[in-house]
Amino acid sequence: MNRFQCSTLAVTCASALLLSASAQADMPTFYGTLDYSLTYSGAGTGNQQRGQDGWLLENNMTRLGFRGTEALSEHTEFFYRAEVGFNADDSGDTFSSRPTYIGLKHDAAGAIAFGRIDPVLKMVKGGADIFGLTNMSMNRMFAGNKRHGDSIEYKTAKWNHIQFGTSVILKDDANSPYDDNYQLAISYGGKGFRHGNLYLAAAYGNGIEGIEALRGVAQYKMGNLKLGVIVQDTKALEGFEKDGTHYESREGFGYIVNALYEYNDWKFKAQFAQDDSGTGRVANEVYKAGVFTGDDAPEVTQWALGAEYRMSKQLTMHTEVGQYLVDDYSDFDDDIVSVGLKYRF
C-alpha cells in the first residue's frame, strides 16, 4: 500500500471515529478569553506582576479551554472541562494551570467533580467581585481564593434556589500541615439574577491556604444598578508559614462594598474595601519584604473606580483607577491606572 493510500485510510478512520463520538455525545465547546492591559503601578504591590512598578503590559488571565457533557441517562450526565492560561510577557511561565476536572451530575442527587477546581469559599462571591481578574480583584484584600489540584467538590441540586456545596483538598496538594482541608458553603439565588433580584451566600473554610475563614456575600439588583457586599473574618492557623514568616500571627476582619451600573453598552463601577487580617495579597507584600515590625497585622484600604464599554458582542474595552493604602507601611501604598481590551469567544 502506497503512502497516499495509507494517508487516505488514516483520514477515513479518524473521520469515522469522530462521527461515532459525536453520535454518542455532544461535541466539546471550545472557548477562550484574550485580555491585556496597559497599566501604571506606583509601587508594584497591587498589580498583576508582583514587585514591578511603572508602566507595564499586563495579562488579565488570558485563557483557552474546552468543556462538554455526555448524557448517561435521562437524569444523569458526565461533564468535563480542561483550561490553560497563557502569558504573553516575559514575567513568568508561558502556560499556567487553570480549572481542569471531570464529574457526574444527577438532577436530584447533585454533582460531584474531581480535579483542579475553584473551591466553594472562592465561588460564593457570585457576581459581587465586580473587579474580578483585574488589579482591583477581591483576592488583593482577602485570602482564600486560590485554586488547587487534587480537589473534590460536591454541590447539591437547587431547592427553592438554595444550594449547598463543599470542597475538600487532599493533603498532598493543599500545601498544608493539617489533616482537615475543607470548605462548606450555602447560596441563595444566582449571580445571573434569573429567578429574583437577590443573591446571598456564606462559606466557611478550615485548613486550606493555612487559614480559618468565614465569608458572607450579598448582592441586590435594582433595575440597572447592582449593589454588593462581601465580608470576611480570617484567622491564620498555627504551624503554617508563608514567605518565611509565621502565618499564625495574622487575624482580622475585612469588607468590600461596591456598586455597578449598566447604561446601554457601558458598565460603571465603584468600590471601597478594608481588611486588617494581614492575609490578603497586598498585605502579604509587607511580610514578603521582611519589614514587618509591629504586633498587629497591616491594615489595607482600597478604593477603585472602573468602566467597561462593549465595542461588539465579543470585544470589551475596560479601565480601572484605584489605590491601595497600607497603614504604617506607606512604601507599599500603590496607585494604579489601567486600560485594557478583552475579547471572548
C-alpha atoms as a PDB file:
ATOM      1  CA  MET A   1       0.000   0.000   0.000  1.00  0.00           C
ATOM      2  CA  ASN A   2       1.486   3.354  -1.015  1.00  0.00           C
ATOM      3  CA  ARG A   3       1.809   6.447   1.151  1.00  0.00           C
ATOM      4  CA  PHE A   4      -1.242   8.133  -0.405  1.00  0.00           C
ATOM      5  CA  GLN A   5      -3.445   5.119   0.286  1.00  0.00           C
ATOM      6  CA  CYS A   6      -2.188   4.951   3.904  1.00  0.00           C
ATOM      7  CA  SER A   7      -2.952   8.640   4.428  1.00  0.00           C
ATOM      8  CA  THR A   8      -6.408   8.253   2.905  1.00  0.00           C
ATOM      9  CA  LEU A   9      -7.136   5.272   5.140  1.00  0.00           C
ATOM     10  CA  ALA A  10      -5.942   7.160   8.233  1.00  0.00           C
ATOM     11  CA  VAL A  11      -8.169  10.155   7.435  1.00  0.00           C
ATOM     12  CA  THR A  12     -11.130   7.872   6.798  1.00  0.00           C
ATOM     13  CA  CYS A  13     -10.638   6.046  10.097  1.00  0.00           C
ATOM     14  CA  ALA A  14     -10.236   9.311  12.045  1.00  0.00           C
ATOM     15  CA  SER A  15     -13.398  10.737  10.461  1.00  0.00           C
ATOM     16  CA  ALA A  16     -15.322   7.594  11.334  1.00  0.00           C
ATOM     17  CA  LEU A  17     -14.169   7.789  14.946  1.00  0.00           C
ATOM     18  CA  LEU A  18     -15.160  11.458  15.213  1.00  0.00           C
ATOM     19  CA  LEU A  19     -18.574  10.795  13.686  1.00  0.00           C
ATOM     20  CA  SER A  20     -19.083   7.872  16.041  1.00  0.00           C
ATOM     21  CA  ALA A  21     -18.096  10.006  19.050  1.00  0.00           C
ATOM     22  CA  SER A  22     -20.373  12.869  18.006  1.00  0.00           C
ATOM     23  CA  ALA A  23     -23.261  10.444  17.654  1.00  0.00           C
ATOM     24  CA  GLN A  24     -22.791   9.326  21.262  1.00  0.00           C
ATOM     25  CA  ALA A  25     -22.053  12.672  22.949  1.00  0.00           C
ATOM     26  CA  ASP A  26     -22.252  16.389  22.386  1.00  0.00           C
ATOM     27  CA  MET A  27     -19.091  17.792  20.838  1.00  0.00           C
ATOM     28  CA  PRO A  28     -16.949  19.850  23.242  1.00  0.00           C
ATOM     29  CA  THR A  29     -17.352  23.617  23.345  1.00  0.00           C
ATOM     30  CA  PHE A  30     -14.111  25.478  22.635  1.00  0.00           C
ATOM     31  CA  TYR A  31     -13.868  28.840  24.394  1.00  0.00           C
ATOM     32  CA  GLY A  32     -11.359  31.458  25.453  1.00  0.00           C
ATOM     33  CA  THR A  33     -10.623  34.985  26.650  1.00  0.00           C
ATOM     34  CA  LEU A  34      -7.819  37.282  25.497  1.00  0.00           C
ATOM     35  CA  ASP A  35      -7.375  40.130  27.975  1.00  0.00           C
ATOM     36  CA  TYR A  36      -4.403  42.525  28.170  1.00  0.00           C
ATOM     37  CA  SER A  37      -3.968  45.905  29.822  1.00  0.00           C
ATOM     38  CA  LEU A  38      -1.523  48.788  29.767  1.00  0.00           C
ATOM     39  CA  THR A  39      -1.044  49.607  33.445  1.00  0.00           C
ATOM     40  CA  TYR A  40       0.758  52.147  35.600  1.00  0.00           C
ATOM     41  CA  SER A  41       1.553  50.913  39.122  1.00  0.00           C
ATOM     42  CA  GLY A  42       3.232  53.232  41.632  1.00  0.00           C
ATOM     43  CA  ALA A  43       4.642  50.591  43.999  1.00  0.00           C
ATOM     44  CA  GLY A  44       4.067  47.202  42.350  1.00  0.00           C
ATOM     45  CA  THR A  45       2.117  45.760  45.301  1.00  0.00           C
ATOM     46  CA  GLY A  46      -1.381  45.551  43.814  1.00  0.00           C
ATOM     47  CA  ASN A  47      -0.819  44.841  40.130  1.00  0.00           C
ATOM     48  CA  GLN A  48      -0.801  41.534  38.286  1.00  0.00           C
ATOM     49  CA  GLN A  49       3.024  41.439  38.084  1.00  0.00           C
ATOM     50  CA  ARG A  50       4.097  41.479  41.719  1.00  0.00           C
ATOM     51  CA  GLY A  51       7.011  43.691  42.640  1.00  0.00           C
ATOM     52  CA  GLN A  52       7.176  45.560  39.318  1.00  0.00           C
ATOM     53  CA  ASP A  53       6.248  49.231  39.228  1.00  0.00           C
ATOM     54  CA  GLY A  54       5.972  51.834  36.483  1.00  0.00           C
ATOM     55  CA  TRP A  55       4.328  51.173  33.104  1.00  0.00           C
ATOM     56  CA  LEU A  56       3.542  47.508  32.444  1.00  0.00           C
ATOM     57  CA  LEU A  57       1.794  45.345  29.876  1.00  0.00           C
ATOM     58  CA  GLU A  58      -0.355  43.017  31.959  1.00  0.00           C
ATOM     59  CA  ASN A  59      -2.076  39.742  31.243  1.00  0.00           C
ATOM     60  CA  ASN A  60      -5.513  39.557  32.890  1.00  0.00           C
ATOM     61  CA  MET A  61      -5.793  35.768  32.959  1.00  0.00           C
ATOM     62  CA  THR A  62      -5.831  35.100  29.199  1.00  0.00           C
ATOM     63  CA  ARG A  63      -7.057  31.531  28.819  1.00  0.00           C
ATOM     64  CA  LEU A  64      -8.241  28.827  26.420  1.00  0.00           C
ATOM     65  CA  GLY A  65     -10.224  25.702  27.122  1.00  0.00           C
ATOM     66  CA  PHE A  66     -12.891  23.239  26.178  1.00  0.00           C
ATOM     67  CA  ARG A  67     -15.846  21.778  28.084  1.00  0.00           C
ATOM     68  CA  GLY A  68     -18.737  19.475  27.459  1.00  0.00           C
ATOM     69  CA  THR A  69     -21.233  16.909  28.718  1.00  0.00           C
ATOM     70  CA  GLU A  70     -22.394  13.426  27.837  1.00  0.00           C
ATOM     71  CA  ALA A  71     -25.826  12.137  28.826  1.00  0.00           C
ATOM     72  CA  LEU A  72     -25.672   8.787  30.624  1.00  0.00           C
ATOM     73  CA  SER A  73     -29.398   8.523  31.309  1.00  0.00           C
ATOM     74  CA  GLU A  74     -32.456  10.732  31.434  1.00  0.00           C
ATOM     75  CA  HIS A  75     -31.347  12.256  34.740  1.00  0.00           C
ATOM     76  CA  THR A  76     -27.555  11.717  34.840  1.00  0.00           C
ATOM     77  CA  GLU A  77     -24.697  13.208  32.828  1.00  0.00           C
ATOM     78  CA  PHE A  78     -20.925  13.173  32.726  1.00  0.00           C
ATOM     79  CA  PHE A  79     -19.263  16.611  32.493  1.00  0.00           C
ATOM     80  CA  TYR A  80     -15.700  17.764  31.926  1.00  0.00           C
ATOM     81  CA  ARG A  81     -13.581  20.875  31.494  1.00  0.00           C
ATOM     82  CA  ALA A  82      -9.942  21.498  30.633  1.00  0.00           C
ATOM     83  CA  GLU A  83      -8.472  25.006  30.634  1.00  0.00           C
ATOM     84  CA  VAL A  84      -4.985  26.522  30.460  1.00  0.00           C
ATOM     85  CA  GLY A  85      -3.718  30.074  30.956  1.00  0.00           C
ATOM     86  CA  PHE A  86      -1.404  31.877  28.530  1.00  0.00           C
ATOM     87  CA  ASN A  87       1.092  34.609  29.334  1.00  0.00           C
ATOM     88  CA  ALA A  88       2.395  36.871  26.541  1.00  0.00           C
ATOM     89  CA  ASP A  89       5.035  38.792  28.522  1.00  0.00           C
ATOM     90  CA  ASP A  90       8.380  37.734  29.987  1.00  0.00           C
ATOM     91  CA  SER A  91       7.413  37.904  33.652  1.00  0.00           C
ATOM     92  CA  GLY A  92       6.754  34.192  34.125  1.00  0.00           C
ATOM     93  CA  ASP A  93       5.944  30.870  32.509  1.00  0.00           C
ATOM     94  CA  THR A  94       4.081  30.871  29.209  1.00  0.00           C
ATOM     95  CA  PHE A  95       1.472  28.379  30.453  1.00  0.00           C
ATOM     96  CA  SER A  96      -0.350  28.112  33.773  1.00  0.00           C
ATOM     97  CA  SER A  97      -2.820  25.681  35.334  1.00  0.00           C
ATOM     98  CA  ARG A  98      -6.499  26.585  35.355  1.00  0.00           C
ATOM     99  CA  PRO A  99      -9.749  24.673  36.058  1.00  0.00           C
ATOM    100  CA  THR A 100      -9.461  21.082  34.814  1.00  0.00           C
ATOM    101  CA  TYR A 101     -11.846  18.444  36.105  1.00  0.00           C
ATOM    102  CA  ILE A 102     -14.335  15.669  35.401  1.00  0.00           C
ATOM    103  CA  GLY A 103     -17.558  14.837  37.214  1.00  0.00           C
ATOM    104  CA  LEU A 104     -21.030  13.335  37.371  1.00  0.00           C
ATOM    105  CA  LYS A 105     -24.307  15.230  37.783  1.00  0.00           C
ATOM    106  CA  HIS A 106     -27.747  13.912  38.739  1.00  0.00           C
ATOM    107  CA  ASP A 107     -30.911  16.009  38.623  1.00  0.00           C
ATOM    108  CA  ALA A 108     -31.845  15.124  42.211  1.00  0.00           C
ATOM    109  CA  ALA A 109     -28.591  13.981  43.856  1.00  0.00           C
ATOM    110  CA  GLY A 110     -26.441  16.923  42.752  1.00  0.00           C
ATOM    111  CA  ALA A 111     -22.954  16.963  41.216  1.00  0.00           C
ATOM    112  CA  ILE A 112     -19.529  15.711  42.243  1.00  0.00           C
ATOM    113  CA  ALA A 113     -16.287  16.679  40.495  1.00  0.00           C
ATOM    114  CA  PHE A 114     -12.599  15.761  40.765  1.00  0.00           C
ATOM    115  CA  GLY A 115      -9.534  17.692  39.607  1.00  0.00           C
ATOM    116  CA  ARG A 116      -8.315  21.288  39.747  1.00  0.00           C
ATOM    117  CA  ILE A 117     -11.392  23.233  40.843  1.00  0.00           C
ATOM    118  CA  ASP A 118     -12.180  26.704  42.203  1.00  0.00           C
ATOM    119  CA  PRO A 119     -13.218  25.951  45.813  1.00  0.00           C
ATOM    120  CA  VAL A 120     -16.589  26.957  47.241  1.00  0.00           C
ATOM    121  CA  LEU A 121     -15.192  29.651  49.573  1.00  0.00           C
ATOM    122  CA  LYS A 122     -13.961  31.467  46.488  1.00  0.00           C
ATOM    123  CA  MET A 123     -17.009  30.874  44.312  1.00  0.00           C
ATOM    124  CA  VAL A 124     -19.646  32.138  46.758  1.00  0.00           C
ATOM    125  CA  LYS A 125     -18.588  35.575  45.540  1.00  0.00           C
ATOM    126  CA  GLY A 126     -21.119  35.172  42.708  1.00  0.00           C
ATOM    127  CA  GLY A 127     -21.069  38.418  40.741  1.00  0.00           C
ATOM    128  CA  ALA A 128     -20.188  40.586  43.756  1.00  0.00           C
ATOM    129  CA  ASP A 129     -16.455  40.653  42.910  1.00  0.00           C
ATOM    130  CA  ILE A 130     -17.113  43.282  40.225  1.00  0.00           C
ATOM    131  CA  PHE A 131     -13.393  43.893  39.553  1.00  0.00           C
ATOM    132  CA  GLY A 132     -12.546  40.198  39.268  1.00  0.00           C
ATOM    133  CA  LEU A 133      -9.429  39.272  37.229  1.00  0.00           C
ATOM    134  CA  THR A 134      -8.121  42.862  37.341  1.00  0.00           C
ATOM    135  CA  ASN A 135      -5.806  44.778  39.677  1.00  0.00           C
ATOM    136  CA  MET A 136      -8.756  45.578  41.961  1.00  0.00           C
ATOM    137  CA  SER A 137      -9.878  41.983  42.457  1.00  0.00           C
ATOM    138  CA  MET A 138     -11.139  40.628  45.785  1.00  0.00           C
ATOM    139  CA  ASN A 139      -8.019  38.473  46.224  1.00  0.00           C
ATOM    140  CA  ARG A 140      -5.897  41.597  46.823  1.00  0.00           C
ATOM    141  CA  MET A 141      -7.838  42.102  50.073  1.00  0.00           C
ATOM    142  CA  PHE A 142      -8.817  38.590  51.251  1.00  0.00           C
ATOM    143  CA  ALA A 143      -7.102  35.211  51.400  1.00  0.00           C
ATOM    144  CA  GLY A 144      -8.973  32.056  50.399  1.00  0.00           C
ATOM    145  CA  ASN A 145      -9.211  32.491  46.626  1.00  0.00           C
ATOM    146  CA  LYS A 146      -6.625  30.078  45.283  1.00  0.00           C
ATOM    147  CA  ARG A 147      -7.352  27.120  43.024  1.00  0.00           C
ATOM    148  CA  HIS A 148      -5.836  23.746  43.982  1.00  0.00           C
ATOM    149  CA  GLY A 149      -5.377  20.415  42.297  1.00  0.00           C
ATOM    150  CA  ASP A 150      -6.367  17.109  43.917  1.00  0.00           C
ATOM    151  CA  SER A 151      -9.721  18.678  44.747  1.00  0.00           C
ATOM    152  CA  ILE A 152     -13.085  17.032  45.339  1.00  0.00           C
ATOM    153  CA  GLU A 153     -16.198  19.182  45.127  1.00  0.00           C
ATOM    154  CA  TYR A 154     -19.833  18.308  45.760  1.00  0.00           C
ATOM    155  CA  LYS A 155     -22.843  20.557  45.172  1.00  0.00           C
ATOM    156  CA  THR A 156     -26.450  19.653  45.856  1.00  0.00           C
ATOM    157  CA  ALA A 157     -29.243  20.204  43.394  1.00  0.00           C
ATOM    158  CA  LYS A 158     -31.004  23.538  43.961  1.00  0.00           C
ATOM    159  CA  TRP A 159     -34.142  23.541  46.090  1.00  0.00           C
ATOM    160  CA  ASN A 160     -36.165  26.779  46.098  1.00  0.00           C
ATOM    161  CA  HIS A 161     -32.998  28.474  44.704  1.00  0.00           C
ATOM    162  CA  ILE A 162     -30.926  27.227  47.689  1.00  0.00           C
ATOM    163  CA  GLN A 163     -27.781  25.176  47.129  1.00  0.00           C
ATOM    164  CA  PHE A 164     -25.176  23.615  49.443  1.00  0.00           C
ATOM    165  CA  GLY A 165     -21.595  22.853  48.474  1.00  0.00           C
ATOM    166  CA  THR A 166     -18.359  21.512  49.890  1.00  0.00           C
ATOM    167  CA  SER A 167     -14.741  21.381  48.738  1.00  0.00           C
ATOM    168  CA  VAL A 168     -12.067  19.001  50.034  1.00  0.00           C
ATOM    169  CA  ILE A 169      -8.421  19.200  49.012  1.00  0.00           C
ATOM    170  CA  LEU A 170      -6.280  16.140  49.546  1.00  0.00           C
ATOM    171  CA  LYS A 171      -3.272  16.819  51.747  1.00  0.00           C
ATOM    172  CA  ASP A 172      -0.612  16.190  49.086  1.00  0.00           C
ATOM    173  CA  ASP A 173      -1.694  19.243  47.071  1.00  0.00           C
ATOM    174  CA  ALA A 174      -3.052  21.507  49.797  1.00  0.00           C
ATOM    175  CA  ASN A 175       0.432  22.730  50.835  1.00  0.00           C
ATOM    176  CA  SER A 176      -0.850  22.340  54.362  1.00  0.00           C
ATOM    177  CA  PRO A 177       0.325  20.569  57.530  1.00  0.00           C
ATOM    178  CA  TYR A 178      -3.288  19.899  58.563  1.00  0.00           C
ATOM    179  CA  ASP A 179      -5.311  16.727  58.160  1.00  0.00           C
ATOM    180  CA  ASP A 180      -8.516  18.704  57.593  1.00  0.00           C
ATOM    181  CA  ASN A 181      -8.593  20.871  54.463  1.00  0.00           C
ATOM    182  CA  TYR A 182     -12.209  21.601  53.626  1.00  0.00           C
ATOM    183  CA  GLN A 183     -14.750  24.330  52.877  1.00  0.00           C
ATOM    184  CA  LEU A 184     -18.546  24.452  53.251  1.00  0.00           C
ATOM    185  CA  ALA A 185     -20.944  26.834  51.504  1.00  0.00           C
ATOM    186  CA  ILE A 186     -24.598  27.748  51.088  1.00  0.00           C
ATOM    187  CA  SER A 187     -26.084  30.095  48.491  1.00  0.00           C
ATOM    188  CA  TYR A 188     -29.474  31.515  47.551  1.00  0.00           C
ATOM    189  CA  GLY A 189     -30.222  32.706  44.023  1.00  0.00           C
ATOM    190  CA  GLY A 190     -27.586  33.081  41.353  1.00  0.00           C
ATOM    191  CA  LYS A 191     -25.185  35.681  40.040  1.00  0.00           C
ATOM    192  CA  GLY A 192     -27.279  35.999  36.876  1.00  0.00           C
ATOM    193  CA  PHE A 193     -30.427  37.030  38.840  1.00  0.00           C
ATOM    194  CA  ARG A 194     -32.613  34.821  36.638  1.00  0.00           C
ATOM    195  CA  HIS A 195     -35.052  33.964  39.438  1.00  0.00           C
ATOM    196  CA  GLY A 196     -35.034  37.123  41.549  1.00  0.00           C
ATOM    197  CA  ASN A 197     -33.179  40.292  42.454  1.00  0.00           C
ATOM    198  CA  LEU A 198     -31.229  38.978  45.443  1.00  0.00           C
ATOM    199  CA  TYR A 199     -28.142  36.795  45.788  1.00  0.00           C
ATOM    200  CA  LEU A 200     -26.978  35.637  49.241  1.00  0.00           C
ATOM    201  CA  ALA A 201     -24.161  33.267  50.160  1.00  0.00           C
ATOM    202  CA  ALA A 202     -21.934  32.213  53.031  1.00  0.00           C
ATOM    203  CA  ALA A 203     -18.934  29.899  53.282  1.00  0.00           C
ATOM    204  CA  TYR A 204     -16.596  28.511  55.945  1.00  0.00           C
ATOM    205  CA  GLY A 205     -13.097  27.212  55.296  1.00  0.00           C
ATOM    206  CA  ASN A 206     -10.599  25.428  57.533  1.00  0.00           C
ATOM    207  CA  GLY A 207      -7.016  24.428  56.720  1.00  0.00           C
ATOM    208  CA  ILE A 208      -6.868  25.308  53.031  1.00  0.00           C
ATOM    209  CA  GLU A 209      -4.236  28.043  52.479  1.00  0.00           C
ATOM    210  CA  GLY A 210      -3.424  27.894  56.208  1.00  0.00           C
ATOM    211  CA  ILE A 211      -6.482  29.889  57.276  1.00  0.00           C
ATOM    212  CA  GLU A 212      -9.794  29.535  59.025  1.00  0.00           C
ATOM    213  CA  ALA A 213     -12.232  31.901  57.317  1.00  0.00           C
ATOM    214  CA  LEU A 214     -15.901  32.819  57.329  1.00  0.00           C
ATOM    215  CA  ARG A 215     -17.157  34.733  54.274  1.00  0.00           C
ATOM    216  CA  GLY A 216     -20.551  36.325  53.629  1.00  0.00           C
ATOM    217  CA  VAL A 217     -21.787  37.758  50.323  1.00  0.00           C
ATOM    218  CA  ALA A 218     -24.858  39.729  49.295  1.00  0.00           C
ATOM    219  CA  GLN A 219     -25.761  41.391  46.004  1.00  0.00           C
ATOM    220  CA  TYR A 220     -29.031  43.127  45.147  1.00  0.00           C
ATOM    221  CA  LYS A 221     -30.242  44.197  41.706  1.00  0.00           C
ATOM    222  CA  MET A 222     -32.451  47.251  41.232  1.00  0.00           C
ATOM    223  CA  GLY A 223     -33.051  47.788  37.543  1.00  0.00           C
ATOM    224  CA  ASN A 224     -29.671  48.608  36.007  1.00  0.00           C
ATOM    225  CA  LEU A 225     -27.973  49.015  39.402  1.00  0.00           C
ATOM    226  CA  LYS A 226     -26.296  46.223  41.383  1.00  0.00           C
ATOM    227  CA  LEU A 227     -25.174  46.759  44.988  1.00  0.00           C
ATOM    228  CA  GLY A 228     -22.766  44.284  46.569  1.00  0.00           C
ATOM    229  CA  VAL A 229     -21.178  43.485  49.932  1.00  0.00           C
ATOM    230  CA  ILE A 230     -18.506  40.896  50.786  1.00  0.00           C
ATOM    231  CA  VAL A 231     -17.330  40.418  54.388  1.00  0.00           C
ATOM    232  CA  GLN A 232     -14.711  38.023  55.737  1.00  0.00           C
ATOM    233  CA  ASP A 233     -13.315  37.091  59.122  1.00  0.00           C
ATOM    234  CA  THR A 234      -9.895  35.448  58.725  1.00  0.00           C
ATOM    235  CA  LYS A 235      -7.606  33.698  61.197  1.00  0.00           C
ATOM    236  CA  ALA A 236      -4.214  32.272  60.233  1.00  0.00           C
ATOM    237  CA  LEU A 237      -3.634  28.815  61.642  1.00  0.00           C
ATOM    238  CA  GLU A 238      -0.713  27.614  63.747  1.00  0.00           C
ATOM    239  CA  GLY A 239       2.071  25.748  62.022  1.00  0.00           C
ATOM    240  CA  PHE A 240       1.664  27.343  58.602  1.00  0.00           C
ATOM    241  CA  GLU A 241       4.405  29.505  57.105  1.00  0.00           C
ATOM    242  CA  LYS A 242       4.159  31.848  54.150  1.00  0.00           C
ATOM    243  CA  ASP A 243       7.045  33.751  52.591  1.00  0.00           C
ATOM    244  CA  GLY A 244       9.276  32.848  55.526  1.00  0.00           C
ATOM    245  CA  THR A 245       7.009  34.376  58.168  1.00  0.00           C
ATOM    246  CA  HIS A 246       4.879  32.694  60.805  1.00  0.00           C
ATOM    247  CA  TYR A 247       1.433  32.908  59.301  1.00  0.00           C
ATOM    248  CA  GLU A 248      -0.412  32.358  62.609  1.00  0.00           C
ATOM    249  CA  SER A 249       0.319  35.922  63.786  1.00  0.00           C
ATOM    250  CA  ARG A 250      -2.369  37.276  61.456  1.00  0.00           C
ATOM    251  CA  GLU A 251      -6.063  37.632  62.278  1.00  0.00           C
ATOM    252  CA  GLY A 252      -8.775  40.167  61.499  1.00  0.00           C
ATOM    253  CA  PHE A 253     -11.888  41.269  59.627  1.00  0.00           C
ATOM    254  CA  GLY A 254     -12.457  42.833  56.238  1.00  0.00           C
ATOM    255  CA  TYR A 255     -15.243  44.074  53.982  1.00  0.00           C
ATOM    256  CA  ILE A 256     -15.888  45.184  50.414  1.00  0.00           C
ATOM    257  CA  VAL A 257     -18.808  47.378  49.333  1.00  0.00           C
ATOM    258  CA  ASN A 258     -19.432  48.180  45.689  1.00  0.00           C
ATOM    259  CA  ALA A 259     -21.879  49.302  43.028  1.00  0.00           C
ATOM    260  CA  LEU A 260     -22.210  48.528  39.330  1.00  0.00           C
ATOM    261  CA  TYR A 261     -24.477  50.480  36.967  1.00  0.00           C
ATOM    262  CA  GLU A 262     -25.271  49.431  33.391  1.00  0.00           C
ATOM    263  CA  TYR A 263     -26.246  52.002  30.754  1.00  0.00           C
ATOM    264  CA  ASN A 264     -26.621  50.799  27.168  1.00  0.00           C
ATOM    265  CA  ASP A 265     -23.183  49.379  26.248  1.00  0.00           C
ATOM    266  CA  TRP A 266     -21.491  50.847  29.340  1.00  0.00           C
ATOM    267  CA  LYS A 267     -20.817  49.498  32.832  1.00  0.00           C
ATOM    268  CA  PHE A 268     -19.674  51.863  35.581  1.00  0.00           C
ATOM    269  CA  LYS A 269     -18.117  50.535  38.811  1.00  0.00           C
ATOM    270  CA  ALA A 270     -17.180  51.901  42.234  1.00  0.00           C
ATOM    271  CA  GLN A 271     -15.720  50.047  45.217  1.00  0.00           C
ATOM    272  CA  PHE A 272     -14.348  50.620  48.728  1.00  0.00           C
ATOM    273  CA  ALA A 273     -12.683  47.950  50.885  1.00  0.00           C
ATOM    274  CA  GLN A 274     -10.724  47.451  54.101  1.00  0.00           C
ATOM    275  CA  ASP A 275      -9.079  44.462  55.806  1.00  0.00           C
ATOM    276  CA  ASP A 276      -6.908  44.173  58.909  1.00  0.00           C
ATOM    277  CA  SER A 277      -6.220  40.419  58.906  1.00  0.00           C
ATOM    278  CA  GLY A 278      -2.887  40.735  57.071  1.00  0.00           C
ATOM    279  CA  THR A 279      -3.701  37.720  54.910  1.00  0.00           C
ATOM    280  CA  GLY A 280      -4.657  39.332  51.585  1.00  0.00           C
ATOM    281  CA  ARG A 281      -2.192  39.612  48.721  1.00  0.00           C
ATOM    282  CA  VAL A 282      -1.347  43.296  49.215  1.00  0.00           C
ATOM    283  CA  ALA A 283      -0.748  42.918  52.967  1.00  0.00           C
ATOM    284  CA  ASN A 284       1.377  39.865  52.294  1.00  0.00           C
ATOM    285  CA  GLU A 285       3.827  42.011  50.312  1.00  0.00           C
ATOM    286  CA  VAL A 286       4.856  43.605  53.644  1.00  0.00           C
ATOM    287  CA  TYR A 287       5.739  40.191  55.082  1.00  0.00           C
ATOM    288  CA  LYS A 288       7.493  39.091  51.888  1.00  0.00           C
ATOM    289  CA  ALA A 289       9.756  42.132  52.047  1.00  0.00           C
ATOM    290  CA  GLY A 290      10.789  41.253  55.634  1.00  0.00           C
ATOM    291  CA  VAL A 291       9.906  44.693  57.012  1.00  0.00           C
ATOM    292  CA  PHE A 292       7.013  43.756  59.313  1.00  0.00           C
ATOM    293  CA  THR A 293       7.895  45.013  62.808  1.00  0.00           C
ATOM    294  CA  GLY A 294       4.603  45.574  64.630  1.00  0.00           C
ATOM    295  CA  ASP A 295       2.375  43.379  66.769  1.00  0.00           C
ATOM    296  CA  ASP A 296      -0.727  43.968  64.645  1.00  0.00           C
ATOM    297  CA  ALA A 297      -1.139  42.824  61.046  1.00  0.00           C
ATOM    298  CA  PRO A 298      -1.014  45.602  58.406  1.00  0.00           C
ATOM    299  CA  GLU A 299      -4.388  47.167  57.602  1.00  0.00           C
ATOM    300  CA  VAL A 300      -5.111  47.647  53.901  1.00  0.00           C
ATOM    301  CA  THR A 301      -7.610  50.107  52.412  1.00  0.00           C
ATOM    302  CA  GLN A 302      -8.698  50.070  48.791  1.00  0.00           C
ATOM    303  CA  TRP A 303     -10.792  52.382  46.642  1.00  0.00           C
ATOM    304  CA  ALA A 304     -11.472  51.772  42.961  1.00  0.00           C
ATOM    305  CA  LEU A 305     -13.389  53.187  40.015  1.00  0.00           C
ATOM    306  CA  GLY A 306     -13.870  51.445  36.708  1.00  0.00           C
ATOM    307  CA  ALA A 307     -15.734  51.404  33.413  1.00  0.00           C
ATOM    308  CA  GLU A 308     -16.383  48.914  30.623  1.00  0.00           C
ATOM    309  CA  TYR A 309     -17.544  49.672  27.084  1.00  0.00           C
ATOM    310  CA  ARG A 310     -18.858  46.844  24.921  1.00  0.00           C
ATOM    311  CA  MET A 311     -17.479  47.554  21.455  1.00  0.00           C
ATOM    312  CA  SER A 312     -19.052  44.417  19.959  1.00  0.00           C
ATOM    313  CA  LYS A 313     -20.673  41.215  21.198  1.00  0.00           C
ATOM    314  CA  GLN A 314     -17.243  39.742  21.937  1.00  0.00           C
ATOM    315  CA  LEU A 315     -14.920  42.754  22.425  1.00  0.00           C
ATOM    316  CA  THR A 316     -14.869  44.993  25.524  1.00  0.00           C
ATOM    317  CA  MET A 317     -12.655  47.925  26.470  1.00  0.00           C
ATOM    318  CA  HIS A 318     -12.158  48.350  30.229  1.00  0.00           C
ATOM    319  CA  THR A 319     -10.369  50.745  32.560  1.00  0.00           C
ATOM    320  CA  GLU A 320      -9.633  50.730  36.296  1.00  0.00           C
ATOM    321  CA  VAL A 321      -8.337  53.516  38.540  1.00  0.00           C
ATOM    322  CA  GLY A 322      -7.639  52.942  42.211  1.00  0.00           C
ATOM    323  CA  GLN A 323      -5.349  52.932  45.200  1.00  0.00           C
ATOM    324  CA  TYR A 324      -4.126  50.618  47.949  1.00  0.00           C
ATOM    325  CA  LEU A 325      -3.122  52.213  51.253  1.00  0.00           C
ATOM    326  CA  VAL A 326      -1.186  50.160  53.850  1.00  0.00           C
ATOM    327  CA  ASP A 327      -1.245  51.633  57.366  1.00  0.00           C
ATOM    328  CA  ASP A 328       2.233  52.260  58.856  1.00  0.00           C
ATOM    329  CA  TYR A 329       3.896  50.982  55.661  1.00  0.00           C
ATOM    330  CA  SER A 330       3.469  53.823  53.170  1.00  0.00           C
ATOM    331  CA  ASP A 331       6.214  52.430  50.894  1.00  0.00           C
ATOM    332  CA  PHE A 332       3.667  49.782  49.895  1.00  0.00           C
ATOM    333  CA  ASP A 333       0.904  52.258  49.005  1.00  0.00           C
ATOM    334  CA  ASP A 334       0.052  51.656  45.356  1.00  0.00           C
ATOM    335  CA  ASP A 335      -1.609  53.982  42.816  1.00  0.00           C
ATOM    336  CA  ILE A 336      -2.939  52.069  39.805  1.00  0.00           C
ATOM    337  CA  VAL A 337      -4.292  53.177  36.420  1.00  0.00           C
ATOM    338  CA  SER A 338      -5.109  50.564  33.781  1.00  0.00           C
ATOM    339  CA  VAL A 339      -6.682  50.424  30.299  1.00  0.00           C
ATOM    340  CA  GLY A 340      -7.310  47.107  28.576  1.00  0.00           C
ATOM    341  CA  LEU A 341      -9.057  45.127  25.852  1.00  0.00           C
ATOM    342  CA  LYS A 342     -10.911  41.848  26.455  1.00  0.00           C
ATOM    343  CA  TYR A 343     -12.007  39.512  23.655  1.00  0.00           C
ATOM    344  CA  ARG A 344     -14.207  36.492  24.401  1.00  0.00           C
ATOM    345  CA  PHE A 345     -15.122  33.621  22.115  1.00  0.00           C
END
